[in-house]
Amino acid sequence: MRDFEFLEPASLAEASRMLADLGDSCRVFAGGTALMLGMRQRMLTPSHLVSLGRLDALRGIGFDARDGLRIGALTLHAEVARSPLVQAHYPMLASMAARVANPQVRNQGTIGGNLCYADPATDPPGCLMALGAQVVVSGSGGERVIPIEDFLVDYYVTALAPDEVVTQIRLPAPGAGADGRYARFLRTAAEHRPLASVALAVRREGAFCVEARLAVGASTPVPARLRRAEALLAGKTVTSELAAEAAAIVAMDINAVSDMRGSDTYRREMVRVVARRTIAGLFGVAPE
């Protein structure tokens, strides 16, 4: 690891100015779990780190029935997992956060940092996409609220401007009959990065699906909504046959990647299996 200067701005405005002045020679430091690994491997060699650690306004979780959930960007994955508010109103999110990576990462890594790193093989982005999350960012041009589908652009690429910082993640209030499930497939029990993930958020009346939002991650360059499958499920009573049909559409419609961890054909099949089990399990029907 090469030498660098560690900067600690006392305000968002100061952090934004530092980022604008230093440009590509600096990186934002939140939890540091991914950043420090990249620096140790010399994949990244910034001359300056701009730490957000002093910005307490970026921490904490709040909820109200009208506006929904607000999660500060510096909130740890472990804090999301054990939050009574998240557990009560967004149990799918709490379940996902409890499984991110490993205990060390969950107790050091931040939800905002995870989204900014835009690693395609992590858990939060797909789960947040299914829940309709928005990402709040702040920079010299003021505040922007970006749907997560627009925030995540490509492999390790986001819609952040060079001087912008993520400040908050917002989730809409759950509607009547809200339910959801997050599932992931790991090649081995020792792995921490899913090969495929499926997040399904619904409004339902028993086995009848009123509305569905389904997102696939890890097997795609960025998490993706599967709108044909969502439309198939909405307005129907879910059966094992319908779950299998929707899962087949999911596997067909994803832009599956192929790399050393798995071919696109293998990933499609794993996504199909995970999607079928997730849909069937959420609606209480036996998968075919």
C-alpha atoms as a PDB file:
ATOM      1  CA  MET A   1       0.000   0.000   0.000  1.00  0.00           C
ATOM      2  CA  ARG A   2       1.322   3.432  -0.932  1.00  0.00           C
ATOM      3  CA  ASP A   3       1.334   6.477   1.324  1.00  0.00           C
ATOM      4  CA  PHE A   4      -1.759   8.675   1.359  1.00  0.00           C
ATOM      5  CA  GLU A   5      -3.132  11.685   3.242  1.00  0.00           C
ATOM      6  CA  PHE A   6      -6.168  11.119   5.455  1.00  0.00           C
ATOM      7  CA  LEU A   7      -8.604  14.066   5.448  1.00  0.00           C
ATOM      8  CA  GLU A   8     -11.523  14.500   7.868  1.00  0.00           C
ATOM      9  CA  PRO A   9     -14.012  17.141   6.723  1.00  0.00           C
ATOM     10  CA  ALA A  10     -16.338  18.523   9.383  1.00  0.00           C
ATOM     11  CA  SER A  11     -19.295  19.085   7.034  1.00  0.00           C
ATOM     12  CA  LEU A  12     -20.802  17.805   3.816  1.00  0.00           C
ATOM     13  CA  ALA A  13     -19.932  21.056   2.091  1.00  0.00           C
ATOM     14  CA  GLU A  14     -16.276  20.698   3.093  1.00  0.00           C
ATOM     15  CA  ALA A  15     -16.232  17.080   1.913  1.00  0.00           C
ATOM     16  CA  SER A  16     -17.685  18.105  -1.433  1.00  0.00           C
ATOM     17  CA  ARG A  17     -15.070  20.849  -1.857  1.00  0.00           C
ATOM     18  CA  MET A  18     -12.272  18.382  -1.104  1.00  0.00           C
ATOM     19  CA  LEU A  19     -13.606  15.916  -3.672  1.00  0.00           C
ATOM     20  CA  ALA A  20     -13.921  18.654  -6.286  1.00  0.00           C
ATOM     21  CA  ASP A  21     -10.415  19.976  -5.630  1.00  0.00           C
ATOM     22  CA  LEU A  22      -8.642  16.609  -5.510  1.00  0.00           C
ATOM     23  CA  GLY A  23     -10.471  14.910  -8.367  1.00  0.00           C
ATOM     24  CA  ASP A  24      -9.375  11.410  -9.362  1.00  0.00           C
ATOM     25  CA  SER A  25      -6.482  11.419  -6.900  1.00  0.00           C
ATOM     26  CA  CYS A  26      -8.812  10.899  -3.911  1.00  0.00           C
ATOM     27  CA  ARG A  27     -11.371   8.411  -2.676  1.00  0.00           C
ATOM     28  CA  VAL A  28     -14.176   8.686  -0.127  1.00  0.00           C
ATOM     29  CA  PHE A  29     -13.629   6.630   3.030  1.00  0.00           C
ATOM     30  CA  ALA A  30     -16.735   5.324   4.845  1.00  0.00           C
ATOM     31  CA  GLY A  31     -16.348   1.870   6.386  1.00  0.00           C
ATOM     32  CA  GLY A  32     -13.297   1.117   4.260  1.00  0.00           C
ATOM     33  CA  THR A  33     -13.890  -2.636   3.936  1.00  0.00           C
ATOM     34  CA  ALA A  34     -13.706  -2.699   0.128  1.00  0.00           C
ATOM     35  CA  LEU A  35     -11.502   0.365  -0.292  1.00  0.00           C
ATOM     36  CA  MET A  36      -8.670  -0.845   1.919  1.00  0.00           C
ATOM     37  CA  LEU A  37      -8.648  -4.225   0.208  1.00  0.00           C
ATOM     38  CA  GLY A  38      -8.328  -2.532  -3.167  1.00  0.00           C
ATOM     39  CA  MET A  39      -5.507  -0.345  -1.870  1.00  0.00           C
ATOM     40  CA  ARG A  40      -3.627  -3.274  -0.366  1.00  0.00           C
ATOM     41  CA  GLN A  41      -3.827  -5.032  -3.705  1.00  0.00           C
ATOM     42  CA  ARG A  42      -2.755  -1.787  -5.436  1.00  0.00           C
ATOM     43  CA  MET A  43      -5.846  -1.811  -7.593  1.00  0.00           C
ATOM     44  CA  LEU A  44      -6.391   1.698  -6.205  1.00  0.00           C
ATOM     45  CA  THR A  45      -3.617   4.142  -5.344  1.00  0.00           C
ATOM     46  CA  PRO A  46      -5.250   7.383  -4.153  1.00  0.00           C
ATOM     47  CA  SER A  47      -3.087  10.170  -2.797  1.00  0.00           C
ATOM     48  CA  HIS A  48      -5.871  11.299  -0.427  1.00  0.00           C
ATOM     49  CA  LEU A  49      -8.726   9.648   1.473  1.00  0.00           C
ATOM     50  CA  VAL A  50     -11.659  11.862   2.396  1.00  0.00           C
ATOM     51  CA  SER A  51     -13.171  10.314   5.532  1.00  0.00           C
ATOM     52  CA  LEU A  52     -16.840  10.885   6.336  1.00  0.00           C
ATOM     53  CA  GLY A  53     -16.419   9.594   9.892  1.00  0.00           C
ATOM     54  CA  ARG A  54     -17.039  12.948  11.577  1.00  0.00           C
ATOM     55  CA  LEU A  55     -20.368  13.521   9.780  1.00  0.00           C
ATOM     56  CA  ASP A  56     -22.805  12.186  12.369  1.00  0.00           C
ATOM     57  CA  ALA A  57     -25.764  13.439  10.321  1.00  0.00           C
ATOM     58  CA  LEU A  58     -25.109  10.523   7.952  1.00  0.00           C
ATOM     59  CA  ARG A  59     -25.852   7.939  10.655  1.00  0.00           C
ATOM     60  CA  GLY A  60     -29.071   6.492  12.018  1.00  0.00           C
ATOM     61  CA  ILE A  61     -32.359   4.915  10.998  1.00  0.00           C
ATOM     62  CA  GLY A  62     -35.798   6.510  11.129  1.00  0.00           C
ATOM     63  CA  PHE A  63     -39.298   5.497  10.094  1.00  0.00           C
ATOM     64  CA  ASP A  64     -42.779   6.939   9.889  1.00  0.00           C
ATOM     65  CA  ALA A  65     -45.918   5.506   8.337  1.00  0.00           C
ATOM     66  CA  ARG A  66     -46.208   8.225   5.687  1.00  0.00           C
ATOM     67  CA  ASP A  67     -42.626   8.775   4.518  1.00  0.00           C
ATOM     68  CA  GLY A  68     -41.253   5.287   5.104  1.00  0.00           C
ATOM     69  CA  LEU A  69     -37.704   4.372   6.086  1.00  0.00           C
ATOM     70  CA  ARG A  70     -34.639   6.623   6.163  1.00  0.00           C
ATOM     71  CA  ILE A  71     -31.196   5.040   6.545  1.00  0.00           C
ATOM     72  CA  GLY A  72     -28.141   7.245   6.953  1.00  0.00           C
ATOM     73  CA  ALA A  73     -25.357   6.394   4.507  1.00  0.00           C
ATOM     74  CA  LEU A  74     -22.884   5.624   7.319  1.00  0.00           C
ATOM     75  CA  THR A  75     -25.219   3.127   8.987  1.00  0.00           C
ATOM     76  CA  LEU A  76     -23.505  -0.249   9.375  1.00  0.00           C
ATOM     77  CA  HIS A  77     -24.957  -3.395   7.825  1.00  0.00           C
ATOM     78  CA  ALA A  78     -25.172  -4.876  11.332  1.00  0.00           C
ATOM     79  CA  GLU A  79     -27.158  -1.862  12.526  1.00  0.00           C
ATOM     80  CA  VAL A  80     -29.640  -2.343   9.679  1.00  0.00           C
ATOM     81  CA  ALA A  81     -29.948  -6.042  10.548  1.00  0.00           C
ATOM     82  CA  ARG A  82     -30.697  -5.483  14.227  1.00  0.00           C
ATOM     83  CA  SER A  83     -32.815  -2.321  13.948  1.00  0.00           C
ATOM     84  CA  PRO A  84     -36.275  -2.896  15.497  1.00  0.00           C
ATOM     85  CA  LEU A  85     -37.730  -0.493  12.910  1.00  0.00           C
ATOM     86  CA  VAL A  86     -36.288  -2.445   9.987  1.00  0.00           C
ATOM     87  CA  GLN A  87     -37.232  -5.792  11.509  1.00  0.00           C
ATOM     88  CA  ALA A  88     -40.812  -4.647  12.094  1.00  0.00           C
ATOM     89  CA  HIS A  89     -41.525  -2.928   8.777  1.00  0.00           C
ATOM     90  CA  TYR A  90     -38.971  -4.351   6.303  1.00  0.00           C
ATOM     91  CA  PRO A  91     -38.066  -7.850   7.536  1.00  0.00           C
ATOM     92  CA  MET A  92     -36.691  -8.767   4.102  1.00  0.00           C
ATOM     93  CA  LEU A  93     -34.128  -5.973   4.420  1.00  0.00           C
ATOM     94  CA  ALA A  94     -33.155  -7.029   7.949  1.00  0.00           C
ATOM     95  CA  SER A  95     -32.730 -10.630   6.797  1.00  0.00           C
ATOM     96  CA  MET A  96     -30.525  -9.571   3.895  1.00  0.00           C
ATOM     97  CA  ALA A  97     -28.365  -7.279   6.032  1.00  0.00           C
ATOM     98  CA  ALA A  98     -27.773 -10.089   8.540  1.00  0.00           C
ATOM     99  CA  ARG A  99     -26.170 -12.158   5.771  1.00  0.00           C
ATOM    100  CA  VAL A 100     -23.931  -9.580   4.082  1.00  0.00           C
ATOM    101  CA  ALA A 101     -20.395 -10.921   3.637  1.00  0.00           C
ATOM    102  CA  ASN A 102     -19.135 -11.878   7.130  1.00  0.00           C
ATOM    103  CA  PRO A 103     -19.363 -10.512  10.691  1.00  0.00           C
ATOM    104  CA  GLN A 104     -16.274  -8.328  10.271  1.00  0.00           C
ATOM    105  CA  VAL A 105     -17.703  -6.612   7.185  1.00  0.00           C
ATOM    106  CA  ARG A 106     -21.188  -6.299   8.687  1.00  0.00           C
ATOM    107  CA  ASN A 107     -19.776  -4.497  11.731  1.00  0.00           C
ATOM    108  CA  GLN A 108     -17.484  -2.174   9.763  1.00  0.00           C
ATOM    109  CA  GLY A 109     -19.009  -1.721   6.328  1.00  0.00           C
ATOM    110  CA  THR A 110     -21.701   0.881   5.645  1.00  0.00           C
ATOM    111  CA  ILE A 111     -24.783   0.636   3.480  1.00  0.00           C
ATOM    112  CA  GLY A 112     -23.899   3.865   1.661  1.00  0.00           C
ATOM    113  CA  GLY A 113     -20.356   2.712   1.000  1.00  0.00           C
ATOM    114  CA  ASN A 114     -21.651  -0.566  -0.378  1.00  0.00           C
ATOM    115  CA  LEU A 115     -23.861   1.228  -2.910  1.00  0.00           C
ATOM    116  CA  CYS A 116     -21.090   3.623  -3.934  1.00  0.00           C
ATOM    117  CA  TYR A 117     -18.648   0.780  -4.565  1.00  0.00           C
ATOM    118  CA  ALA A 118     -21.249  -0.758  -6.914  1.00  0.00           C
ATOM    119  CA  ASP A 119     -19.827  -4.260  -6.709  1.00  0.00           C
ATOM    120  CA  PRO A 120     -22.235  -6.388  -8.779  1.00  0.00           C
ATOM    121  CA  ALA A 121     -21.822  -9.400  -6.451  1.00  0.00           C
ATOM    122  CA  THR A 122     -23.020  -7.907  -3.165  1.00  0.00           C
ATOM    123  CA  ASP A 123     -26.377  -8.269  -1.451  1.00  0.00           C
ATOM    124  CA  PRO A 124     -27.834  -4.809  -0.649  1.00  0.00           C
ATOM    125  CA  PRO A 125     -28.375  -3.344  -4.163  1.00  0.00           C
ATOM    126  CA  GLY A 126     -30.831  -5.967  -5.428  1.00  0.00           C
ATOM    127  CA  CYS A 127     -32.776  -6.091  -2.174  1.00  0.00           C
ATOM    128  CA  LEU A 128     -33.059  -2.295  -2.060  1.00  0.00           C
ATOM    129  CA  MET A 129     -34.131  -2.227  -5.705  1.00  0.00           C
ATOM    130  CA  ALA A 130     -37.004  -4.622  -5.054  1.00  0.00           C
ATOM    131  CA  LEU A 131     -38.078  -2.402  -2.141  1.00  0.00           C
ATOM    132  CA  GLY A 132     -38.155   0.714  -4.353  1.00  0.00           C
ATOM    133  CA  ALA A 133     -35.237   2.519  -2.723  1.00  0.00           C
ATOM    134  CA  GLN A 134     -34.062   6.020  -3.586  1.00  0.00           C
ATOM    135  CA  VAL A 135     -30.517   7.260  -3.004  1.00  0.00           C
ATOM    136  CA  VAL A 136     -30.060  10.807  -1.685  1.00  0.00           C
ATOM    137  CA  VAL A 137     -26.804  12.515  -2.704  1.00  0.00           C
ATOM    138  CA  SER A 138     -25.351  15.914  -1.920  1.00  0.00           C
ATOM    139  CA  GLY A 139     -22.737  18.002  -3.734  1.00  0.00           C
ATOM    140  CA  SER A 140     -21.913  21.521  -4.838  1.00  0.00           C
ATOM    141  CA  GLY A 141     -25.076  21.604  -6.940  1.00  0.00           C
ATOM    142  CA  GLY A 142     -27.270  20.783  -3.969  1.00  0.00           C
ATOM    143  CA  GLU A 143     -29.218  17.627  -3.152  1.00  0.00           C
ATOM    144  CA  ARG A 144     -30.465  15.017  -5.609  1.00  0.00           C
ATOM    145  CA  VAL A 145     -32.797  12.078  -5.029  1.00  0.00           C
ATOM    146  CA  ILE A 146     -32.009   9.248  -7.450  1.00  0.00           C
ATOM    147  CA  PRO A 147     -33.995   6.022  -7.914  1.00  0.00           C
ATOM    148  CA  ILE A 148     -31.624   3.163  -7.218  1.00  0.00           C
ATOM    149  CA  GLU A 149     -32.203   1.808 -10.718  1.00  0.00           C
ATOM    150  CA  ASP A 150     -30.677   5.022 -12.090  1.00  0.00           C
ATOM    151  CA  PHE A 151     -27.985   5.265  -9.412  1.00  0.00           C
ATOM    152  CA  LEU A 152     -26.393   1.920 -10.340  1.00  0.00           C
ATOM    153  CA  VAL A 153     -25.022   2.392 -13.854  1.00  0.00           C
ATOM    154  CA  ASP A 154     -22.567  -0.455 -14.601  1.00  0.00           C
ATOM    155  CA  TYR A 155     -19.838  -2.604 -13.090  1.00  0.00           C
ATOM    156  CA  TYR A 156     -18.430  -0.478 -10.233  1.00  0.00           C
ATOM    157  CA  VAL A 157     -20.000   2.644 -11.791  1.00  0.00           C
ATOM    158  CA  THR A 158     -22.662   4.882 -10.242  1.00  0.00           C
ATOM    159  CA  ALA A 159     -24.432   8.097 -11.191  1.00  0.00           C
ATOM    160  CA  LEU A 160     -22.492  10.103  -8.551  1.00  0.00           C
ATOM    161  CA  ALA A 161     -20.848  13.286  -9.777  1.00  0.00           C
ATOM    162  CA  PRO A 162     -17.179  13.665  -8.731  1.00  0.00           C
ATOM    163  CA  ASP A 163     -18.033  16.032  -5.852  1.00  0.00           C
ATOM    164  CA  GLU A 164     -21.134  14.214  -4.591  1.00  0.00           C
ATOM    165  CA  VAL A 165     -21.582  12.136  -1.448  1.00  0.00           C
ATOM    166  CA  VAL A 166     -24.383   9.690  -0.670  1.00  0.00           C
ATOM    167  CA  THR A 167     -26.174  10.914   2.450  1.00  0.00           C
ATOM    168  CA  GLN A 168     -29.229   8.694   2.837  1.00  0.00           C
ATOM    169  CA  ILE A 169     -31.214   5.759   1.470  1.00  0.00           C
ATOM    170  CA  ARG A 170     -34.994   6.107   1.440  1.00  0.00           C
ATOM    171  CA  LEU A 171     -37.572   3.338   1.195  1.00  0.00           C
ATOM    172  CA  PRO A 172     -41.282   3.979   0.677  1.00  0.00           C
ATOM    173  CA  ALA A 173     -43.703   2.962   3.386  1.00  0.00           C
ATOM    174  CA  PRO A 174     -44.921  -0.617   2.981  1.00  0.00           C
ATOM    175  CA  GLY A 175     -48.475  -0.853   1.715  1.00  0.00           C
ATOM    176  CA  ALA A 176     -51.267  -3.117   2.891  1.00  0.00           C
ATOM    177  CA  GLY A 177     -50.312  -6.765   2.616  1.00  0.00           C
ATOM    178  CA  ALA A 178     -46.627  -5.998   2.084  1.00  0.00           C
ATOM    179  CA  ASP A 179     -44.315  -8.985   2.233  1.00  0.00           C
ATOM    180  CA  GLY A 180     -40.993  -9.991   0.749  1.00  0.00           C
ATOM    181  CA  ARG A 181     -38.154 -12.438   0.604  1.00  0.00           C
ATOM    182  CA  TYR A 182     -34.460 -12.182  -0.266  1.00  0.00           C
ATOM    183  CA  ALA A 183     -32.583 -15.305  -1.390  1.00  0.00           C
ATOM    184  CA  ARG A 184     -29.029 -15.918  -2.597  1.00  0.00           C
ATOM    185  CA  PHE A 185     -27.020 -18.768  -4.050  1.00  0.00           C
ATOM    186  CA  LEU A 186     -23.409 -19.363  -2.977  1.00  0.00           C
ATOM    187  CA  ARG A 187     -21.195 -21.798  -4.850  1.00  0.00           C
ATOM    188  CA  THR A 188     -19.723 -23.019  -1.555  1.00  0.00           C
ATOM    189  CA  ALA A 189     -20.563 -22.461   2.106  1.00  0.00           C
ATOM    190  CA  ALA A 190     -17.241 -20.663   2.545  1.00  0.00           C
ATOM    191  CA  GLU A 191     -18.054 -17.964  -0.022  1.00  0.00           C
ATOM    192  CA  HIS A 192     -19.290 -14.556   1.044  1.00  0.00           C
ATOM    193  CA  ARG A 193     -20.254 -13.225  -2.384  1.00  0.00           C
ATOM    194  CA  PRO A 194     -23.431 -14.605  -3.960  1.00  0.00           C
ATOM    195  CA  LEU A 195     -23.306 -16.025  -7.467  1.00  0.00           C
ATOM    196  CA  ALA A 196     -26.992 -15.209  -7.853  1.00  0.00           C
ATOM    197  CA  SER A 197     -29.535 -13.327  -5.770  1.00  0.00           C
ATOM    198  CA  VAL A 198     -33.280 -12.801  -6.050  1.00  0.00           C
ATOM    199  CA  ALA A 199     -35.266 -10.177  -4.147  1.00  0.00           C
ATOM    200  CA  LEU A 200     -39.057 -10.260  -4.289  1.00  0.00           C
ATOM    201  CA  ALA A 201     -41.248  -7.614  -2.657  1.00  0.00           C
ATOM    202  CA  VAL A 202     -45.009  -7.985  -2.993  1.00  0.00           C
ATOM    203  CA  ARG A 203     -48.380  -6.874  -1.780  1.00  0.00           C
ATOM    204  CA  ARG A 204     -50.535  -9.935  -1.359  1.00  0.00           C
ATOM    205  CA  GLU A 205     -53.779 -11.302   0.036  1.00  0.00           C
ATOM    206  CA  GLY A 206     -52.896 -14.834   1.003  1.00  0.00           C
ATOM    207  CA  ALA A 207     -51.741 -16.573  -2.171  1.00  0.00           C
ATOM    208  CA  PHE A 208     -53.175 -13.778  -4.363  1.00  0.00           C
ATOM    209  CA  CYS A 209     -50.494 -11.379  -5.649  1.00  0.00           C
ATOM    210  CA  VAL A 210     -51.719  -7.797  -5.814  1.00  0.00           C
ATOM    211  CA  GLU A 211     -48.381  -6.324  -6.910  1.00  0.00           C
ATOM    212  CA  ALA A 212     -44.805  -7.601  -7.314  1.00  0.00           C
ATOM    213  CA  ARG A 213     -41.330  -6.107  -7.619  1.00  0.00           C
ATOM    214  CA  LEU A 214     -38.614  -8.635  -8.447  1.00  0.00           C
ATOM    215  CA  ALA A 215     -34.902  -7.905  -8.804  1.00  0.00           C
ATOM    216  CA  VAL A 216     -31.988 -10.168  -9.692  1.00  0.00           C
ATOM    217  CA  GLY A 217     -28.410  -9.399  -8.698  1.00  0.00           C
ATOM    218  CA  ALA A 218     -24.912 -10.915  -8.664  1.00  0.00           C
ATOM    219  CA  SER A 219     -25.421 -12.720 -11.987  1.00  0.00           C
ATOM    220  CA  THR A 220     -25.897  -9.457 -13.899  1.00  0.00           C
ATOM    221  CA  PRO A 221     -23.667  -6.392 -14.460  1.00  0.00           C
ATOM    222  CA  VAL A 222     -26.025  -4.411 -12.213  1.00  0.00           C
ATOM    223  CA  PRO A 223     -29.138  -5.566 -10.353  1.00  0.00           C
ATOM    224  CA  ALA A 224     -32.116  -5.623 -12.692  1.00  0.00           C
ATOM    225  CA  ARG A 225     -35.894  -5.451 -12.327  1.00  0.00           C
ATOM    226  CA  LEU A 226     -37.691  -8.278 -14.110  1.00  0.00           C
ATOM    227  CA  ARG A 227     -40.828  -6.535 -15.264  1.00  0.00           C
ATOM    228  CA  ARG A 228     -42.291  -9.298 -17.438  1.00  0.00           C
ATOM    229  CA  ALA A 229     -42.195 -11.678 -14.494  1.00  0.00           C
ATOM    230  CA  GLU A 230     -43.669  -9.006 -12.213  1.00  0.00           C
ATOM    231  CA  ALA A 231     -46.549  -8.465 -14.646  1.00  0.00           C
ATOM    232  CA  LEU A 232     -47.174 -12.203 -14.865  1.00  0.00           C
ATOM    233  CA  LEU A 233     -47.501 -12.512 -11.076  1.00  0.00           C
ATOM    234  CA  ALA A 234     -49.599  -9.400 -10.463  1.00  0.00           C
ATOM    235  CA  GLY A 235     -53.330  -9.955 -10.203  1.00  0.00           C
ATOM    236  CA  LYS A 236     -53.120 -13.743  -9.956  1.00  0.00           C
ATOM    237  CA  THR A 237     -53.277 -16.459  -7.345  1.00  0.00           C
ATOM    238  CA  VAL A 238     -49.782 -17.892  -7.188  1.00  0.00           C
ATOM    239  CA  THR A 239     -49.481 -21.617  -7.774  1.00  0.00           C
ATOM    240  CA  SER A 240     -46.431 -23.813  -8.182  1.00  0.00           C
ATOM    241  CA  GLU A 241     -47.009 -23.725 -11.952  1.00  0.00           C
ATOM    242  CA  LEU A 242     -47.170 -19.924 -12.009  1.00  0.00           C
ATOM    243  CA  ALA A 243     -44.022 -19.677  -9.868  1.00  0.00           C
ATOM    244  CA  ALA A 244     -42.180 -21.945 -12.330  1.00  0.00           C
ATOM    245  CA  GLU A 245     -43.418 -19.936 -15.333  1.00  0.00           C
ATOM    246  CA  ALA A 246     -42.362 -16.631 -13.756  1.00  0.00           C
ATOM    247  CA  ALA A 247     -38.943 -18.051 -12.842  1.00  0.00           C
ATOM    248  CA  ALA A 248     -38.404 -19.226 -16.417  1.00  0.00           C
ATOM    249  CA  ILE A 249     -39.142 -15.687 -17.651  1.00  0.00           C
ATOM    250  CA  VAL A 250     -36.696 -14.274 -15.091  1.00  0.00           C
ATOM    251  CA  ALA A 251     -33.912 -16.567 -16.311  1.00  0.00           C
ATOM    252  CA  MET A 252     -34.683 -15.728 -19.930  1.00  0.00           C
ATOM    253  CA  ASP A 253     -34.774 -11.953 -19.437  1.00  0.00           C
ATOM    254  CA  ILE A 254     -31.610 -11.341 -17.392  1.00  0.00           C
ATOM    255  CA  ASN A 255     -28.389 -10.118 -18.967  1.00  0.00           C
ATOM    256  CA  ALA A 256     -26.326 -12.911 -17.418  1.00  0.00           C
ATOM    257  CA  VAL A 257     -22.573 -12.417 -17.119  1.00  0.00           C
ATOM    258  CA  SER A 258     -19.970 -15.085 -17.757  1.00  0.00           C
ATOM    259  CA  ASP A 259     -16.708 -15.114 -15.821  1.00  0.00           C
ATOM    260  CA  MET A 260     -14.382 -17.378 -13.876  1.00  0.00           C
ATOM    261  CA  ARG A 261     -17.027 -17.896 -11.187  1.00  0.00           C
ATOM    262  CA  GLY A 262     -19.645 -19.231 -13.590  1.00  0.00           C
ATOM    263  CA  SER A 263     -20.836 -19.218 -17.188  1.00  0.00           C
ATOM    264  CA  ASP A 264     -23.896 -17.288 -18.299  1.00  0.00           C
ATOM    265  CA  THR A 265     -25.755 -20.592 -18.846  1.00  0.00           C
ATOM    266  CA  TYR A 266     -24.977 -21.761 -15.310  1.00  0.00           C
ATOM    267  CA  ARG A 267     -25.994 -18.418 -13.832  1.00  0.00           C
ATOM    268  CA  ARG A 268     -29.308 -18.413 -15.692  1.00  0.00           C
ATOM    269  CA  GLU A 269     -30.111 -21.860 -14.358  1.00  0.00           C
ATOM    270  CA  MET A 270     -29.236 -20.899 -10.788  1.00  0.00           C
ATOM    271  CA  VAL A 271     -31.311 -17.729 -11.070  1.00  0.00           C
ATOM    272  CA  ARG A 272     -34.238 -19.780 -12.379  1.00  0.00           C
ATOM    273  CA  VAL A 273     -34.029 -22.213  -9.463  1.00  0.00           C
ATOM    274  CA  VAL A 274     -33.631 -19.488  -6.830  1.00  0.00           C
ATOM    275  CA  ALA A 275     -36.455 -17.394  -8.337  1.00  0.00           C
ATOM    276  CA  ARG A 276     -38.837 -20.376  -8.446  1.00  0.00           C
ATOM    277  CA  ARG A 277     -38.135 -21.301  -4.837  1.00  0.00           C
ATOM    278  CA  THR A 278     -38.381 -17.689  -3.689  1.00  0.00           C
ATOM    279  CA  ILE A 279     -41.735 -17.049  -5.372  1.00  0.00           C
ATOM    280  CA  ALA A 280     -43.215 -20.355  -4.226  1.00  0.00           C
ATOM    281  CA  GLY A 281     -41.870 -19.996  -0.703  1.00  0.00           C
ATOM    282  CA  LEU A 282     -43.173 -16.468  -0.248  1.00  0.00           C
ATOM    283  CA  PHE A 283     -46.681 -17.464  -1.311  1.00  0.00           C
ATOM    284  CA  GLY A 284     -46.665 -20.716   0.616  1.00  0.00           C
ATOM    285  CA  VAL A 285     -46.897 -23.117  -2.299  1.00  0.00           C
ATOM    286  CA  ALA A 286     -44.691 -26.122  -2.940  1.00  0.00           C
ATOM    287  CA  PRO A 287     -42.206 -25.483  -5.775  1.00  0.00           C
ATOM    288  CA  GLU A 288     -42.518 -27.772  -8.778  1.00  0.00           C
END
